[in-house]
Amino acid sequence: MTKPQAGFTLLELVIAIAIFALLGVACWRLFDGVLRAERSSSAHEQTLRGLQ
């Protein structure tokens, strides 16, 4: 009897890499949005402090 081969097929690996890439892009966009909001908030705070 031959032992069945263990491991993943090429298609499974490509799908897994694609999923991780999509998750990475989504996290990057979320993080970038948070940074932009923080910069905007900081600039707005500076303007308000200058008016006081």
PDB file of N, CA and C in Angstrom:
ATOM      1  N   MET A   1       0.831  -1.184   0.000  1.00  0.00           N
ATOM      2  CA  MET A   1       0.000   0.000   0.000  1.00  0.00           C
ATOM      3  C   MET A   1       0.878   1.251   0.000  1.00  0.00           C
ATOM      4  N   THR A   2       0.437   2.227  -0.748  1.00  0.00           N
ATOM      5  CA  THR A   2       1.174   3.486  -0.753  1.00  0.00           C
ATOM      6  C   THR A   2       0.573   4.431   0.271  1.00  0.00           C
ATOM      7  N   LYS A   3       1.448   5.157   0.894  1.00  0.00           N
ATOM      8  CA  LYS A   3       1.021   6.125   1.909  1.00  0.00           C
ATOM      9  C   LYS A   3       0.511   7.386   1.204  1.00  0.00           C
ATOM     10  N   PRO A   4      -0.665   7.904   1.579  1.00  0.00           N
ATOM     11  CA  PRO A   4      -1.155   9.129   0.941  1.00  0.00           C
ATOM     12  C   PRO A   4      -0.244  10.309   1.268  1.00  0.00           C
ATOM     13  N   GLN A   5      -0.053  11.169   0.293  1.00  0.00           N
ATOM     14  CA  GLN A   5       0.829  12.314   0.491  1.00  0.00           C
ATOM     15  C   GLN A   5       0.129  13.368   1.343  1.00  0.00           C
ATOM     16  N   ALA A   6       0.892  13.931   2.242  1.00  0.00           N
ATOM     17  CA  ALA A   6       0.361  14.989   3.103  1.00  0.00           C
ATOM     18  C   ALA A   6       0.790  16.335   2.541  1.00  0.00           C
ATOM     19  N   GLY A   7      -0.013  17.341   2.807  1.00  0.00           N
ATOM     20  CA  GLY A   7       0.345  18.685   2.364  1.00  0.00           C
ATOM     21  C   GLY A   7      -0.823  19.371   1.689  1.00  0.00           C
ATOM     22  N   PHE A   8      -0.542  20.540   1.176  1.00  0.00           N
ATOM     23  CA  PHE A   8      -1.570  21.351   0.540  1.00  0.00           C
ATOM     24  C   PHE A   8      -1.345  21.379  -0.965  1.00  0.00           C
ATOM     25  N   THR A   9      -2.425  21.532  -1.695  1.00  0.00           N
ATOM     26  CA  THR A   9      -2.302  21.669  -3.142  1.00  0.00           C
ATOM     27  C   THR A   9      -1.934  23.110  -3.469  1.00  0.00           C
ATOM     28  N   LEU A  10      -1.490  23.320  -4.683  1.00  0.00           N
ATOM     29  CA  LEU A  10      -1.122  24.663  -5.119  1.00  0.00           C
ATOM     30  C   LEU A  10      -2.330  25.594  -5.068  1.00  0.00           C
ATOM     31  N   LEU A  11      -3.486  25.102  -5.449  1.00  0.00           N
ATOM     32  CA  LEU A  11      -4.700  25.923  -5.422  1.00  0.00           C
ATOM     33  C   LEU A  11      -5.039  26.353  -3.999  1.00  0.00           C
ATOM     34  N   GLU A  12      -4.910  25.457  -3.044  1.00  0.00           N
ATOM     35  CA  GLU A  12      -5.183  25.810  -1.646  1.00  0.00           C
ATOM     36  C   GLU A  12      -4.214  26.882  -1.147  1.00  0.00           C
ATOM     37  N   LEU A  13      -2.961  26.771  -1.520  1.00  0.00           N
ATOM     38  CA  LEU A  13      -1.972  27.771  -1.113  1.00  0.00           C
ATOM     39  C   LEU A  13      -2.256  29.128  -1.744  1.00  0.00           C
ATOM     40  N   VAL A  14      -2.634  29.144  -3.016  1.00  0.00           N
ATOM     41  CA  VAL A  14      -2.945  30.409  -3.692  1.00  0.00           C
ATOM     42  C   VAL A  14      -4.153  31.067  -3.043  1.00  0.00           C
ATOM     43  N   ILE A  15      -5.172  30.286  -2.723  1.00  0.00           N
ATOM     44  CA  ILE A  15      -6.367  30.831  -2.073  1.00  0.00           C
ATOM     45  C   ILE A  15      -6.015  31.388  -0.693  1.00  0.00           C
ATOM     46  N   ALA A  16      -5.209  30.672   0.075  1.00  0.00           N
ATOM     47  CA  ALA A  16      -4.814  31.142   1.407  1.00  0.00           C
ATOM     48  C   ALA A  16      -4.014  32.440   1.309  1.00  0.00           C
ATOM     49  N   ILE A  17      -3.103  32.515   0.358  1.00  0.00           N
ATOM     50  CA  ILE A  17      -2.307  33.736   0.186  1.00  0.00           C
ATOM     51  C   ILE A  17      -3.201  34.896  -0.220  1.00  0.00           C
ATOM     52  N   ALA A  18      -4.169  34.645  -1.088  1.00  0.00           N
ATOM     53  CA  ALA A  18      -5.088  35.705  -1.513  1.00  0.00           C
ATOM     54  C   ALA A  18      -5.917  36.211  -0.340  1.00  0.00           C
ATOM     55  N   ILE A  19      -6.380  35.314   0.502  1.00  0.00           N
ATOM     56  CA  ILE A  19      -7.171  35.715   1.672  1.00  0.00           C
ATOM     57  C   ILE A  19      -6.324  36.557   2.619  1.00  0.00           C
ATOM     58  N   PHE A  20      -5.095  36.121   2.888  1.00  0.00           N
ATOM     59  CA  PHE A  20      -4.218  36.890   3.771  1.00  0.00           C
ATOM     60  C   PHE A  20      -3.881  38.252   3.170  1.00  0.00           C
ATOM     61  N   ALA A  21      -3.725  38.311   1.855  1.00  0.00           N
ATOM     62  CA  ALA A  21      -3.442  39.595   1.201  1.00  0.00           C
ATOM     63  C   ALA A  21      -4.630  40.539   1.351  1.00  0.00           C
ATOM     64  N   LEU A  22      -5.843  40.033   1.169  1.00  0.00           N
ATOM     65  CA  LEU A  22      -7.034  40.870   1.334  1.00  0.00           C
ATOM     66  C   LEU A  22      -7.169  41.363   2.772  1.00  0.00           C
ATOM     67  N   LEU A  23      -6.902  40.497   3.727  1.00  0.00           N
ATOM     68  CA  LEU A  23      -6.954  40.910   5.132  1.00  0.00           C
ATOM     69  C   LEU A  23      -5.889  41.967   5.426  1.00  0.00           C
ATOM     70  N   GLY A  24      -4.715  41.793   4.860  1.00  0.00           N
ATOM     71  CA  GLY A  24      -3.649  42.772   5.056  1.00  0.00           C
ATOM     72  C   GLY A  24      -4.010  44.133   4.483  1.00  0.00           C
ATOM     73  N   VAL A  25      -4.592  44.146   3.294  1.00  0.00           N
ATOM     74  CA  VAL A  25      -5.000  45.415   2.677  1.00  0.00           C
ATOM     75  C   VAL A  25      -6.101  46.071   3.497  1.00  0.00           C
ATOM     76  N   ALA A  26      -7.057  45.275   3.977  1.00  0.00           N
ATOM     77  CA  ALA A  26      -8.146  45.827   4.791  1.00  0.00           C
ATOM     78  C   ALA A  26      -7.603  46.435   6.081  1.00  0.00           C
ATOM     79  N   CYS A  27      -6.676  45.747   6.729  1.00  0.00           N
ATOM     80  CA  CYS A  27      -6.079  46.280   7.965  1.00  0.00           C
ATOM     81  C   CYS A  27      -5.277  47.541   7.682  1.00  0.00           C
ATOM     82  N   TRP A  28      -4.553  47.568   6.567  1.00  0.00           N
ATOM     83  CA  TRP A  28      -3.769  48.743   6.213  1.00  0.00           C
ATOM     84  C   TRP A  28      -4.673  49.946   5.972  1.00  0.00           C
ATOM     85  N   ARG A  29      -5.789  49.730   5.264  1.00  0.00           N
ATOM     86  CA  ARG A  29      -6.717  50.839   5.002  1.00  0.00           C
ATOM     87  C   ARG A  29      -7.333  51.347   6.301  1.00  0.00           C
ATOM     88  N   LEU A  30      -7.681  50.439   7.195  1.00  0.00           N
ATOM     89  CA  LEU A  30      -8.250  50.835   8.481  1.00  0.00           C
ATOM     90  C   LEU A  30      -7.231  51.648   9.282  1.00  0.00           C
ATOM     91  N   PHE A  31      -6.013  51.167   9.351  1.00  0.00           N
ATOM     92  CA  PHE A  31      -4.955  51.855  10.090  1.00  0.00           C
ATOM     93  C   PHE A  31      -4.666  53.218   9.472  1.00  0.00           C
ATOM     94  N   ASP A  32      -4.649  53.290   8.147  1.00  0.00           N
ATOM     95  CA  ASP A  32      -4.413  54.559   7.462  1.00  0.00           C
ATOM     96  C   ASP A  32      -5.533  55.549   7.765  1.00  0.00           C
ATOM     97  N   GLY A  33      -6.764  55.077   7.818  1.00  0.00           N
ATOM     98  CA  GLY A  33      -7.893  55.942   8.158  1.00  0.00           C
ATOM     99  C   GLY A  33      -7.789  56.486   9.569  1.00  0.00           C
ATOM    100  N   VAL A  34      -7.353  55.649  10.490  1.00  0.00           N
ATOM    101  CA  VAL A  34      -7.180  56.088  11.877  1.00  0.00           C
ATOM    102  C   VAL A  34      -6.084  57.149  11.959  1.00  0.00           C
ATOM    103  N   LEU A  35      -4.990  56.941  11.253  1.00  0.00           N
ATOM    104  CA  LEU A  35      -3.900  57.923  11.265  1.00  0.00           C
ATOM    105  C   LEU A  35      -4.338  59.252  10.661  1.00  0.00           C
ATOM    106  N   ARG A  36      -5.100  59.202   9.581  1.00  0.00           N
ATOM    107  CA  ARG A  36      -5.590  60.444   8.965  1.00  0.00           C
ATOM    108  C   ARG A  36      -6.520  61.188   9.911  1.00  0.00           C
ATOM    109  N   ALA A  37      -7.405  60.459  10.587  1.00  0.00           N
ATOM    110  CA  ALA A  37      -8.324  61.095  11.527  1.00  0.00           C
ATOM    111  C   ALA A  37      -7.555  61.726  12.683  1.00  0.00           C
ATOM    112  N   GLU A  38      -6.510  61.046  13.149  1.00  0.00           N
ATOM    113  CA  GLU A  38      -5.708  61.579  14.250  1.00  0.00           C
ATOM    114  C   GLU A  38      -4.990  62.852  13.821  1.00  0.00           C
ATOM    115  N   ARG A  39      -4.439  62.843  12.610  1.00  0.00           N
ATOM    116  CA  ARG A  39      -3.753  64.044  12.105  1.00  0.00           C
ATOM    117  C   ARG A  39      -4.726  65.207  11.963  1.00  0.00           C
ATOM    118  N   SER A  40      -5.898  64.921  11.445  1.00  0.00           N
ATOM    119  CA  SER A  40      -6.904  65.970  11.263  1.00  0.00           C
ATOM    120  C   SER A  40      -7.343  66.527  12.611  1.00  0.00           C
ATOM    121  N   SER A  41      -7.550  65.636  13.567  1.00  0.00           N
ATOM    122  CA  SER A  41      -7.960  66.054  14.904  1.00  0.00           C
ATOM    123  C   SER A  41      -6.869  66.895  15.563  1.00  0.00           C
ATOM    124  N   SER A  42      -5.633  66.484  15.385  1.00  0.00           N
ATOM    125  CA  SER A  42      -4.515  67.223  15.961  1.00  0.00           C
ATOM    126  C   SER A  42      -4.404  68.612  15.340  1.00  0.00           C
ATOM    127  N   ALA A  43      -4.574  68.702  14.033  1.00  0.00           N
ATOM    128  CA  ALA A  43      -4.506  69.999  13.358  1.00  0.00           C
ATOM    129  C   ALA A  43      -5.656  70.896  13.812  1.00  0.00           C
ATOM    130  N   HIS A  44      -6.832  70.324  13.971  1.00  0.00           N
ATOM    131  CA  HIS A  44      -7.991  71.093  14.425  1.00  0.00           C
ATOM    132  C   HIS A  44      -7.764  71.592  15.854  1.00  0.00           C
ATOM    133  N   GLU A  45      -7.189  70.747  16.686  1.00  0.00           N
ATOM    134  CA  GLU A  45      -6.895  71.135  18.071  1.00  0.00           C
ATOM    135  C   GLU A  45      -5.889  72.287  18.103  1.00  0.00           C
ATOM    136  N   GLN A  46      -4.873  72.212  17.256  1.00  0.00           N
ATOM    137  CA  GLN A  46      -3.873  73.288  17.187  1.00  0.00           C
ATOM    138  C   GLN A  46      -4.531  74.609  16.788  1.00  0.00           C
ATOM    139  N   THR A  47      -5.444  74.547  15.831  1.00  0.00           N
ATOM    140  CA  THR A  47      -6.147  75.758  15.387  1.00  0.00           C
ATOM    141  C   THR A  47      -6.973  76.345  16.518  1.00  0.00           C
ATOM    142  N   LEU A  48      -7.687  75.482  17.234  1.00  0.00           N
ATOM    143  CA  LEU A  48      -8.506  75.960  18.346  1.00  0.00           C
ATOM    144  C   LEU A  48      -7.649  76.561  19.456  1.00  0.00           C
ATOM    145  N   ARG A  49      -6.518  75.946  19.739  1.00  0.00           N
ATOM    146  CA  ARG A  49      -5.627  76.490  20.775  1.00  0.00           C
ATOM    147  C   ARG A  49      -5.081  77.855  20.356  1.00  0.00           C
ATOM    148  N   GLY A  50      -4.840  78.032  19.069  1.00  0.00           N
ATOM    149  CA  GLY A  50      -4.347  79.311  18.581  1.00  0.00           C
ATOM    150  C   GLY A  50      -5.388  80.414  18.684  1.00  0.00           C
ATOM    151  N   LEU A  51      -6.650  80.052  18.651  1.00  0.00           N
ATOM    152  CA  LEU A  51      -7.721  81.044  18.733  1.00  0.00           C
ATOM    153  C   LEU A  51      -8.016  81.474  20.167  1.00  0.00           C
ATOM    154  N   GLN A  52      -7.578  80.700  21.133  1.00  0.00           N
ATOM    155  CA  GLN A  52      -7.912  81.005  22.535  1.00  0.00           C
ATOM    156  C   GLN A  52      -7.110  82.149  23.077  1.00  0.00           C
TER     157      GLN A  52
END
